[in-house]
Amino acid sequence: TNIAEAVTGRSTISRDNAKNTVSTQMNSLKPEDTAF
């Protein structure tokens, strides 16, 4: 994994190769996290 400094400690990323999915769990969200 490679996690941006801006979200380090607040976000995790996971992947299921068999299902071809990737997910990110974002916690302690801030207004500056607003984005597409």
Full PDB file with SEQRES, HELIX, SHEET, SSBOND, CRYST1, ORIGX, SCALE, CONECT and MASTER records, all heavy atoms in Angstrom:
SEQRES   1 A   36  THR ASN ILE ALA GLU ALA VAL THR GLY ARG SER THR ILE          
SEQRES   2 A   36  SER ARG ASP ASN ALA LYS ASN THR VAL SER THR GLN MET          
SEQRES   3 A   36  ASN SER LEU LYS PRO GLU ASP THR ALA PHE                      
HELIX    1 AA1 GLU A    5  VAL A    7  5                                   3    
HELIX    2 AA2 PRO A   31  ASP A   33  5                                   3    
SHEET    1 AA1 2 SER A  11  ASP A  16  0                                        
SHEET    2 AA1 2 THR A  21  MET A  26 -1                                        
CRYST1    1.000    1.000    1.000  90.00  90.00  90.00 P 1           1          
ORIGX1      1.000000  0.000000  0.000000        0.00000                         
ORIGX2      0.000000  1.000000  0.000000        0.00000                         
ORIGX3      0.000000  0.000000  1.000000        0.00000                         
SCALE1      1.000000  0.000000  0.000000        0.00000                         
SCALE2      0.000000  1.000000  0.000000        0.00000                         
SCALE3      0.000000  0.000000  1.000000        0.00000                         
ATOM      1  N   THR A   1       0.813  -1.212   0.000  1.00  0.00           N  
ATOM      2  CA  THR A   1       0.000   0.000   0.000  1.00  0.00           C  
ATOM      3  C   THR A   1       0.844   1.258   0.000  1.00  0.00           C  
ATOM      4  O   THR A   1       1.988   1.274   0.466  1.00  0.00           O  
ATOM      5  CB  THR A   1      -0.937   0.035   1.218  1.00  0.00           C  
ATOM      6  OG1 THR A   1      -0.149   0.057   2.410  1.00  0.00           O  
ATOM      7  CG2 THR A   1      -1.858  -1.167   1.232  1.00  0.00           C  
ATOM      8  N   ASN A   2       0.249   2.303  -0.551  1.00  0.00           N  
ATOM      9  CA  ASN A   2       0.841   3.632  -0.540  1.00  0.00           C  
ATOM     10  C   ASN A   2      -0.283   4.594  -0.199  1.00  0.00           C  
ATOM     11  O   ASN A   2      -1.240   4.722  -0.958  1.00  0.00           O  
ATOM     12  CB  ASN A   2       1.439   3.973  -1.907  1.00  0.00           C  
ATOM     13  CG  ASN A   2       2.035   5.363  -1.929  1.00  0.00           C  
ATOM     14  OD1 ASN A   2       2.461   5.888  -0.910  1.00  0.00           O  
ATOM     15  ND2 ASN A   2       2.075   5.977  -3.107  1.00  0.00           N  
ATOM     16  N   ILE A   3      -0.170   5.222   0.969  1.00  0.00           N  
ATOM     17  CA  ILE A   3      -1.246   6.099   1.436  1.00  0.00           C  
ATOM     18  C   ILE A   3      -0.719   7.517   1.541  1.00  0.00           C  
ATOM     19  O   ILE A   3       0.339   7.758   2.118  1.00  0.00           O  
ATOM     20  CB  ILE A   3      -1.792   5.603   2.784  1.00  0.00           C  
ATOM     21  CG1 ILE A   3      -2.367   4.197   2.608  1.00  0.00           C  
ATOM     22  CG2 ILE A   3      -2.863   6.548   3.319  1.00  0.00           C  
ATOM     23  CD1 ILE A   3      -2.861   3.543   3.883  1.00  0.00           C  
ATOM     24  N   ALA A   4      -1.484   8.455   1.001  1.00  0.00           N  
ATOM     25  CA  ALA A   4      -1.060   9.851   0.993  1.00  0.00           C  
ATOM     26  C   ALA A   4      -0.938  10.395   2.412  1.00  0.00           C  
ATOM     27  O   ALA A   4      -1.698  10.018   3.308  1.00  0.00           O  
ATOM     28  CB  ALA A   4      -2.052  10.691   0.195  1.00  0.00           C  
ATOM     29  N   GLU A   5       0.000  11.296   2.573  1.00  0.00           N  
ATOM     30  CA  GLU A   5       0.231  11.880   3.886  1.00  0.00           C  
ATOM     31  C   GLU A   5      -1.024  12.575   4.409  1.00  0.00           C  
ATOM     32  O   GLU A   5      -1.295  12.539   5.614  1.00  0.00           O  
ATOM     33  CB  GLU A   5       1.383  12.883   3.803  1.00  0.00           C  
ATOM     34  CG  GLU A   5       1.782  13.482   5.140  1.00  0.00           C  
ATOM     35  CD  GLU A   5       2.996  14.396   5.025  1.00  0.00           C  
ATOM     36  OE1 GLU A   5       3.682  14.341   3.992  1.00  0.00           O  
ATOM     37  OE2 GLU A   5       3.237  15.161   5.969  1.00  0.00           O  
ATOM     38  N   ALA A   6      -1.795  13.167   3.522  1.00  0.00           N  
ATOM     39  CA  ALA A   6      -2.982  13.913   3.948  1.00  0.00           C  
ATOM     40  C   ALA A   6      -4.026  13.041   4.633  1.00  0.00           C  
ATOM     41  O   ALA A   6      -4.851  13.542   5.410  1.00  0.00           O  
ATOM     42  CB  ALA A   6      -3.604  14.616   2.749  1.00  0.00           C  
ATOM     43  N   VAL A   7      -3.999  11.742   4.362  1.00  0.00           N  
ATOM     44  CA  VAL A   7      -4.993  10.844   4.949  1.00  0.00           C  
ATOM     45  C   VAL A   7      -4.373   9.749   5.796  1.00  0.00           C  
ATOM     46  O   VAL A   7      -5.083   8.887   6.323  1.00  0.00           O  
ATOM     47  CB  VAL A   7      -5.895  10.222   3.865  1.00  0.00           C  
ATOM     48  CG1 VAL A   7      -6.639  11.318   3.108  1.00  0.00           C  
ATOM     49  CG2 VAL A   7      -5.092   9.358   2.924  1.00  0.00           C  
ATOM     50  N   THR A   8      -3.075   9.768   5.942  1.00  0.00           N  
ATOM     51  CA  THR A   8      -2.399   8.758   6.763  1.00  0.00           C  
ATOM     52  C   THR A   8      -2.936   8.786   8.185  1.00  0.00           C  
ATOM     53  O   THR A   8      -3.079   9.849   8.791  1.00  0.00           O  
ATOM     54  CB  THR A   8      -0.889   9.012   6.764  1.00  0.00           C  
ATOM     55  OG1 THR A   8      -0.385   8.820   5.440  1.00  0.00           O  
ATOM     56  CG2 THR A   8      -0.175   8.047   7.698  1.00  0.00           C  
ATOM     57  N   GLY A   9      -3.227   7.602   8.691  1.00  0.00           N  
ATOM     58  CA  GLY A   9      -3.767   7.495  10.044  1.00  0.00           C  
ATOM     59  C   GLY A   9      -5.276   7.602  10.085  1.00  0.00           C  
ATOM     60  O   GLY A   9      -5.903   7.302  11.115  1.00  0.00           O  
ATOM     61  N   ARG A  10      -5.866   8.032   8.977  1.00  0.00           N  
ATOM     62  CA  ARG A  10      -7.333   8.163   8.917  1.00  0.00           C  
ATOM     63  C   ARG A  10      -7.954   7.249   7.870  1.00  0.00           C  
ATOM     64  O   ARG A  10      -9.174   7.030   7.888  1.00  0.00           O  
ATOM     65  CB  ARG A  10      -7.713   9.619   8.589  1.00  0.00           C  
ATOM     66  CG  ARG A  10      -7.206  10.641   9.593  1.00  0.00           C  
ATOM     67  CD  ARG A  10      -7.805  12.010   9.333  1.00  0.00           C  
ATOM     68  NE  ARG A  10      -7.376  12.588   8.074  1.00  0.00           N  
ATOM     69  CZ  ARG A  10      -8.211  12.989   7.105  1.00  0.00           C  
ATOM     70  NH1 ARG A  10      -9.522  12.838   7.251  1.00  0.00           N  
ATOM     71  NH2 ARG A  10      -7.728  13.537   5.998  1.00  0.00           N  
ATOM     72  N   SER A  11      -7.143   6.744   6.976  1.00  0.00           N  
ATOM     73  CA  SER A  11      -7.670   5.940   5.884  1.00  0.00           C  
ATOM     74  C   SER A  11      -6.903   4.648   5.709  1.00  0.00           C  
ATOM     75  O   SER A  11      -5.690   4.608   5.951  1.00  0.00           O  
ATOM     76  CB  SER A  11      -7.606   6.740   4.576  1.00  0.00           C  
ATOM     77  OG  SER A  11      -8.432   7.883   4.637  1.00  0.00           O  
ATOM     78  N   THR A  12      -7.623   3.632   5.296  1.00  0.00           N  
ATOM     79  CA  THR A  12      -7.002   2.362   4.943  1.00  0.00           C  
ATOM     80  C   THR A  12      -7.508   1.951   3.569  1.00  0.00           C  
ATOM     81  O   THR A  12      -8.556   2.423   3.104  1.00  0.00           O  
ATOM     82  CB  THR A  12      -7.340   1.261   5.958  1.00  0.00           C  
ATOM     83  OG1 THR A  12      -8.761   1.100   6.007  1.00  0.00           O  
ATOM     84  CG2 THR A  12      -6.820   1.612   7.351  1.00  0.00           C  
ATOM     85  N   ILE A  13      -6.759   1.084   2.912  1.00  0.00           N  
ATOM     86  CA  ILE A  13      -7.158   0.586   1.600  1.00  0.00           C  
ATOM     87  C   ILE A  13      -7.056  -0.927   1.606  1.00  0.00           C  
ATOM     88  O   ILE A  13      -6.137  -1.490   2.220  1.00  0.00           O  
ATOM     89  CB  ILE A  13      -6.305   1.217   0.479  1.00  0.00           C  
ATOM     90  CG1 ILE A  13      -6.845   0.828  -0.896  1.00  0.00           C  
ATOM     91  CG2 ILE A  13      -4.827   0.874   0.634  1.00  0.00           C  
ATOM     92  CD1 ILE A  13      -6.230   1.629  -2.036  1.00  0.00           C  
ATOM     93  N   SER A  14      -7.985  -1.562   0.942  1.00  0.00           N  
ATOM     94  CA  SER A  14      -7.975  -3.014   0.856  1.00  0.00           C  
ATOM     95  C   SER A  14      -8.406  -3.434  -0.531  1.00  0.00           C  
ATOM     96  O   SER A  14      -9.023  -2.661  -1.273  1.00  0.00           O  
ATOM     97  CB  SER A  14      -8.903  -3.616   1.922  1.00  0.00           C  
ATOM     98  OG  SER A  14     -10.230  -3.163   1.741  1.00  0.00           O  
ATOM     99  N   ARG A  15      -8.104  -4.682  -0.829  1.00  0.00           N  
ATOM    100  CA  ARG A  15      -8.357  -5.164  -2.191  1.00  0.00           C  
ATOM    101  C   ARG A  15      -8.708  -6.637  -2.138  1.00  0.00           C  
ATOM    102  O   ARG A  15      -8.149  -7.391  -1.342  1.00  0.00           O  
ATOM    103  CB  ARG A  15      -7.101  -4.934  -3.033  1.00  0.00           C  
ATOM    104  CG  ARG A  15      -7.142  -5.438  -4.442  1.00  0.00           C  
ATOM    105  CD  ARG A  15      -5.875  -4.990  -5.162  1.00  0.00           C  
ATOM    106  NE  ARG A  15      -5.830  -5.522  -6.508  1.00  0.00           N  
ATOM    107  CZ  ARG A  15      -4.916  -5.187  -7.410  1.00  0.00           C  
ATOM    108  NH1 ARG A  15      -3.981  -4.297  -7.096  1.00  0.00           N  
ATOM    109  NH2 ARG A  15      -4.933  -5.721  -8.608  1.00  0.00           N  
ATOM    110  N   ASP A  16      -9.614  -7.030  -3.010  1.00  0.00           N  
ATOM    111  CA  ASP A  16      -9.963  -8.435  -3.175  1.00  0.00           C  
ATOM    112  C   ASP A  16      -9.701  -8.788  -4.635  1.00  0.00           C  
ATOM    113  O   ASP A  16     -10.482  -8.424  -5.517  1.00  0.00           O  
ATOM    114  CB  ASP A  16     -11.432  -8.658  -2.801  1.00  0.00           C  
ATOM    115  CG  ASP A  16     -11.820 -10.126  -2.796  1.00  0.00           C  
ATOM    116  OD1 ASP A  16     -11.258 -10.897  -3.609  1.00  0.00           O  
ATOM    117  OD2 ASP A  16     -12.684 -10.498  -2.005  1.00  0.00           O  
ATOM    118  N   ASN A  17      -8.616  -9.457  -4.881  1.00  0.00           N  
ATOM    119  CA  ASN A  17      -8.237  -9.778  -6.267  1.00  0.00           C  
ATOM    120  C   ASN A  17      -9.239 -10.736  -6.923  1.00  0.00           C  
ATOM    121  O   ASN A  17      -9.484 -10.643  -8.124  1.00  0.00           O  
ATOM    122  CB  ASN A  17      -6.841 -10.380  -6.299  1.00  0.00           C  
ATOM    123  CG  ASN A  17      -5.773  -9.371  -5.939  1.00  0.00           C  
ATOM    124  OD1 ASN A  17      -5.891  -8.189  -6.241  1.00  0.00           O  
ATOM    125  ND2 ASN A  17      -4.722  -9.833  -5.271  1.00  0.00           N  
ATOM    126  N   ALA A  18      -9.793 -11.618  -6.145  1.00  0.00           N  
ATOM    127  CA  ALA A  18     -10.745 -12.578  -6.706  1.00  0.00           C  
ATOM    128  C   ALA A  18     -12.032 -11.886  -7.161  1.00  0.00           C  
ATOM    129  O   ALA A  18     -12.654 -12.297  -8.138  1.00  0.00           O  
ATOM    130  CB  ALA A  18     -11.071 -13.646  -5.681  1.00  0.00           C  
ATOM    131  N   LYS A  19     -12.418 -10.849  -6.450  1.00  0.00           N  
ATOM    132  CA  LYS A  19     -13.642 -10.123  -6.783  1.00  0.00           C  
ATOM    133  C   LYS A  19     -13.382  -8.856  -7.586  1.00  0.00           C  
ATOM    134  O   LYS A  19     -14.307  -8.149  -7.963  1.00  0.00           O  
ATOM    135  CB  LYS A  19     -14.402  -9.767  -5.506  1.00  0.00           C  
ATOM    136  CG  LYS A  19     -14.892 -10.977  -4.739  1.00  0.00           C  
ATOM    137  CD  LYS A  19     -15.670 -10.558  -3.491  1.00  0.00           C  
ATOM    138  CE  LYS A  19     -16.170 -11.777  -2.735  1.00  0.00           C  
ATOM    139  NZ  LYS A  19     -16.921 -11.403  -1.512  1.00  0.00           N  
ATOM    140  N   ASN A  20     -12.102  -8.567  -7.812  1.00  0.00           N  
ATOM    141  CA  ASN A  20     -11.718  -7.371  -8.574  1.00  0.00           C  
ATOM    142  C   ASN A  20     -12.269  -6.092  -7.949  1.00  0.00           C  
ATOM    143  O   ASN A  20     -12.829  -5.220  -8.633  1.00  0.00           O  
ATOM    144  CB  ASN A  20     -12.182  -7.477 -10.031  1.00  0.00           C  
ATOM    145  CG  ASN A  20     -11.531  -8.632 -10.758  1.00  0.00           C  
ATOM    146  OD1 ASN A  20     -10.315  -8.785 -10.718  1.00  0.00           O  
ATOM    147  ND2 ASN A  20     -12.342  -9.453 -11.393  1.00  0.00           N  
ATOM    148  N   THR A  21     -12.137  -6.009  -6.663  1.00  0.00           N  
ATOM    149  CA  THR A  21     -12.620  -4.836  -5.946  1.00  0.00           C  
ATOM    150  C   THR A  21     -11.501  -4.183  -5.150  1.00  0.00           C  
ATOM    151  O   THR A  21     -10.543  -4.837  -4.736  1.00  0.00           O  
ATOM    152  CB  THR A  21     -13.762  -5.183  -4.987  1.00  0.00           C  
ATOM    153  OG1 THR A  21     -13.292  -6.134  -4.027  1.00  0.00           O  
ATOM    154  CG2 THR A  21     -14.959  -5.757  -5.731  1.00  0.00           C  
ATOM    155  N   VAL A  22     -11.650  -2.900  -4.956  1.00  0.00           N  
ATOM    156  CA  VAL A  22     -10.763  -2.143  -4.085  1.00  0.00           C  
ATOM    157  C   VAL A  22     -11.633  -1.197  -3.264  1.00  0.00           C  
ATOM    158  O   VAL A  22     -12.597  -0.627  -3.777  1.00  0.00           O  
ATOM    159  CB  VAL A  22      -9.689  -1.374  -4.877  1.00  0.00           C  
ATOM    160  CG1 VAL A  22     -10.303  -0.349  -5.818  1.00  0.00           C  
ATOM    161  CG2 VAL A  22      -8.692  -0.718  -3.932  1.00  0.00           C  
ATOM    162  N   SER A  23     -11.301  -1.077  -1.998  1.00  0.00           N  
ATOM    163  CA  SER A  23     -12.091  -0.236  -1.103  1.00  0.00           C  
ATOM    164  C   SER A  23     -11.176   0.614  -0.244  1.00  0.00           C  
ATOM    165  O   SER A  23     -10.032   0.220   0.031  1.00  0.00           O  
ATOM    166  CB  SER A  23     -12.972  -1.097  -0.194  1.00  0.00           C  
ATOM    167  OG  SER A  23     -13.881  -1.870  -0.945  1.00  0.00           O  
ATOM    168  N   THR A  24     -11.701   1.745   0.168  1.00  0.00           N  
ATOM    169  CA  THR A  24     -10.974   2.557   1.121  1.00  0.00           C  
ATOM    170  C   THR A  24     -11.921   2.977   2.241  1.00  0.00           C  
ATOM    171  O   THR A  24     -13.048   3.399   1.969  1.00  0.00           O  
ATOM    172  CB  THR A  24     -10.319   3.788   0.461  1.00  0.00           C  
ATOM    173  OG1 THR A  24      -9.559   4.495   1.442  1.00  0.00           O  
ATOM    174  CG2 THR A  24     -11.337   4.725  -0.154  1.00  0.00           C  
ATOM    175  N   GLN A  25     -11.484   2.811   3.440  1.00  0.00           N  
ATOM    176  CA  GLN A  25     -12.232   3.222   4.617  1.00  0.00           C  
ATOM    177  C   GLN A  25     -11.640   4.539   5.101  1.00  0.00           C  
ATOM    178  O   GLN A  25     -10.445   4.611   5.384  1.00  0.00           O  
ATOM    179  CB  GLN A  25     -12.127   2.169   5.713  1.00  0.00           C  
ATOM    180  CG  GLN A  25     -12.790   2.556   7.034  1.00  0.00           C  
ATOM    181  CD  GLN A  25     -14.301   2.578   6.934  1.00  0.00           C  
ATOM    182  OE1 GLN A  25     -14.895   1.752   6.262  1.00  0.00           O  
ATOM    183  NE2 GLN A  25     -14.929   3.533   7.611  1.00  0.00           N  
ATOM    184  N   MET A  26     -12.473   5.550   5.155  1.00  0.00           N  
ATOM    185  CA  MET A  26     -11.989   6.865   5.565  1.00  0.00           C  
ATOM    186  C   MET A  26     -12.666   7.272   6.866  1.00  0.00           C  
ATOM    187  O   MET A  26     -13.894   7.313   6.946  1.00  0.00           O  
ATOM    188  CB  MET A  26     -12.280   7.895   4.473  1.00  0.00           C  
ATOM    189  CG  MET A  26     -11.636   7.557   3.140  1.00  0.00           C  
ATOM    190  SD  MET A  26     -11.807   8.872   1.924  1.00  0.00           S  
ATOM    191  CE  MET A  26     -13.580   8.905   1.754  1.00  0.00           C  
ATOM    192  N   ASN A  27     -11.874   7.573   7.862  1.00  0.00           N  
ATOM    193  CA  ASN A  27     -12.364   7.936   9.184  1.00  0.00           C  
ATOM    194  C   ASN A  27     -11.938   9.364   9.535  1.00  0.00           C  
ATOM    195  O   ASN A  27     -11.073   9.941   8.876  1.00  0.00           O  
ATOM    196  CB  ASN A  27     -11.822   6.961  10.228  1.00  0.00           C  
ATOM    197  CG  ASN A  27     -12.168   5.530   9.922  1.00  0.00           C  
ATOM    198  OD1 ASN A  27     -13.292   5.207   9.524  1.00  0.00           O  
ATOM    199  ND2 ASN A  27     -11.196   4.644  10.090  1.00  0.00           N  
ATOM    200  N   SER A  28     -12.563   9.884  10.559  1.00  0.00           N  
ATOM    201  CA  SER A  28     -12.228  11.233  11.046  1.00  0.00           C  
ATOM    202  C   SER A  28     -12.197  12.236   9.887  1.00  0.00           C  
ATOM    203  O   SER A  28     -11.251  13.015   9.737  1.00  0.00           O  
ATOM    204  CB  SER A  28     -10.870  11.218  11.763  1.00  0.00           C  
ATOM    205  OG  SER A  28     -10.878  10.322  12.838  1.00  0.00           O  
ATOM    206  N   LEU A  29     -13.229  12.191   9.082  1.00  0.00           N  
ATOM    207  CA  LEU A  29     -13.270  13.026   7.891  1.00  0.00           C  
ATOM    208  C   LEU A  29     -13.316  14.505   8.246  1.00  0.00           C  
ATOM    209  O   LEU A  29     -13.912  14.902   9.254  1.00  0.00           O  
ATOM    210  CB  LEU A  29     -14.461  12.644   7.023  1.00  0.00           C  
ATOM    211  CG  LEU A  29     -14.281  11.333   6.252  1.00  0.00           C  
ATOM    212  CD1 LEU A  29     -15.612  10.793   5.772  1.00  0.00           C  
ATOM    213  CD2 LEU A  29     -13.320  11.531   5.093  1.00  0.00           C  
ATOM    214  N   LYS A  30     -12.671  15.289   7.389  1.00  0.00           N  
ATOM    215  CA  LYS A  30     -12.580  16.730   7.567  1.00  0.00           C  
ATOM    216  C   LYS A  30     -13.224  17.425   6.370  1.00  0.00           C  
ATOM    217  O   LYS A  30     -13.291  16.840   5.281  1.00  0.00           O  
ATOM    218  CB  LYS A  30     -11.118  17.155   7.665  1.00  0.00           C  
ATOM    219  CG  LYS A  30     -10.297  16.422   8.707  1.00  0.00           C  
ATOM    220  CD  LYS A  30      -8.834  16.806   8.613  1.00  0.00           C  
ATOM    221  CE  LYS A  30      -7.989  16.030   9.618  1.00  0.00           C  
ATOM    222  NZ  LYS A  30      -6.553  16.403   9.514  1.00  0.00           N  
ATOM    223  N   PRO A  31     -13.665  18.670   6.546  1.00  0.00           N  
ATOM    224  CA  PRO A  31     -14.236  19.389   5.394  1.00  0.00           C  
ATOM    225  C   PRO A  31     -13.289  19.432   4.188  1.00  0.00           C  
ATOM    226  O   PRO A  31     -13.744  19.392   3.044  1.00  0.00           O  
ATOM    227  CB  PRO A  31     -14.493  20.783   5.966  1.00  0.00           C  
ATOM    228  CG  PRO A  31     -14.768  20.540   7.411  1.00  0.00           C  
ATOM    229  CD  PRO A  31     -13.827  19.425   7.792  1.00  0.00           C  
ATOM    230  N   GLU A  32     -12.005  19.473   4.450  1.00  0.00           N  
ATOM    231  CA  GLU A  32     -11.041  19.502   3.344  1.00  0.00           C  
ATOM    232  C   GLU A  32     -10.925  18.176   2.606  1.00  0.00           C  
ATOM    233  O   GLU A  32     -10.242  18.089   1.580  1.00  0.00           O  
ATOM    234  CB  GLU A  32      -9.660  19.951   3.828  1.00  0.00           C  
ATOM    235  CG  GLU A  32      -9.142  19.201   5.039  1.00  0.00           C  
ATOM    236  CD  GLU A  32      -9.409  19.954   6.331  1.00  0.00           C  
ATOM    237  OE1 GLU A  32     -10.546  20.457   6.524  1.00  0.00           O  
ATOM    238  OE2 GLU A  32      -8.481  20.008   7.179  1.00  0.00           O  
ATOM    239  N   ASP A  33     -11.579  17.156   3.097  1.00  0.00           N  
ATOM    240  CA  ASP A  33     -11.643  15.889   2.366  1.00  0.00           C  
ATOM    241  C   ASP A  33     -12.723  15.907   1.290  1.00  0.00           C  
ATOM    242  O   ASP A  33     -12.834  14.965   0.506  1.00  0.00           O  
ATOM    243  CB  ASP A  33     -11.915  14.728   3.326  1.00  0.00           C  
ATOM    244  CG  ASP A  33     -10.768  14.476   4.287  1.00  0.00           C  
ATOM    245  OD1 ASP A  33      -9.604  14.524   3.846  1.00  0.00           O  
ATOM    246  OD2 ASP A  33     -11.046  14.227   5.481  1.00  0.00           O  
ATOM    247  N   THR A  34     -13.516  16.965   1.252  1.00  0.00           N  
ATOM    248  CA  THR A  34     -14.558  17.087   0.242  1.00  0.00           C  
ATOM    249  C   THR A  34     -13.946  17.103  -1.147  1.00  0.00           C  
ATOM    250  O   THR A  34     -13.061  17.905  -1.447  1.00  0.00           O  
ATOM    251  CB  THR A  34     -15.374  18.372   0.473  1.00  0.00           C  
ATOM    252  OG1 THR A  34     -16.072  18.265   1.723  1.00  0.00           O  
ATOM    253  CG2 THR A  34     -16.374  18.594  -0.656  1.00  0.00           C  
ATOM    254  N   ALA A  35     -14.415  16.194  -2.000  1.00  0.00           N  
ATOM    255  CA  ALA A  35     -13.868  16.066  -3.349  1.00  0.00           C  
ATOM    256  C   ALA A  35     -14.611  14.974  -4.101  1.00  0.00           C  
ATOM    257  O   ALA A  35     -15.372  14.208  -3.509  1.00  0.00           O  
ATOM    258  CB  ALA A  35     -12.380  15.721  -3.292  1.00  0.00           C  
ATOM    259  N   PHE A  36     -14.357  14.929  -5.388  1.00  0.00           N  
ATOM    260  CA  PHE A  36     -14.735  13.752  -6.165  1.00  0.00           C  
ATOM    261  C   PHE A  36     -13.627  12.723  -5.982  1.00  0.00           C  
ATOM    262  O   PHE A  36     -12.441  13.046  -6.105  1.00  0.00           O  
ATOM    263  CB  PHE A  36     -14.890  14.103  -7.645  1.00  0.00           C  
ATOM    264  CG  PHE A  36     -16.231  14.676  -7.974  1.00  0.00           C  
ATOM    265  CD1 PHE A  36     -16.418  16.046  -8.021  1.00  0.00           C  
ATOM    266  CD2 PHE A  36     -17.312  13.841  -8.233  1.00  0.00           C  
ATOM    267  CE1 PHE A  36     -17.665  16.587  -8.318  1.00  0.00           C  
ATOM    268  CE2 PHE A  36     -18.558  14.368  -8.541  1.00  0.00           C  
ATOM    269  CZ  PHE A  36     -18.731  15.739  -8.581  1.00  0.00           C  
TER     270      PHE A  36                                                      
MASTER        0    0    0    2    2    0    0    6  269    1    0    3          
END                                                                             
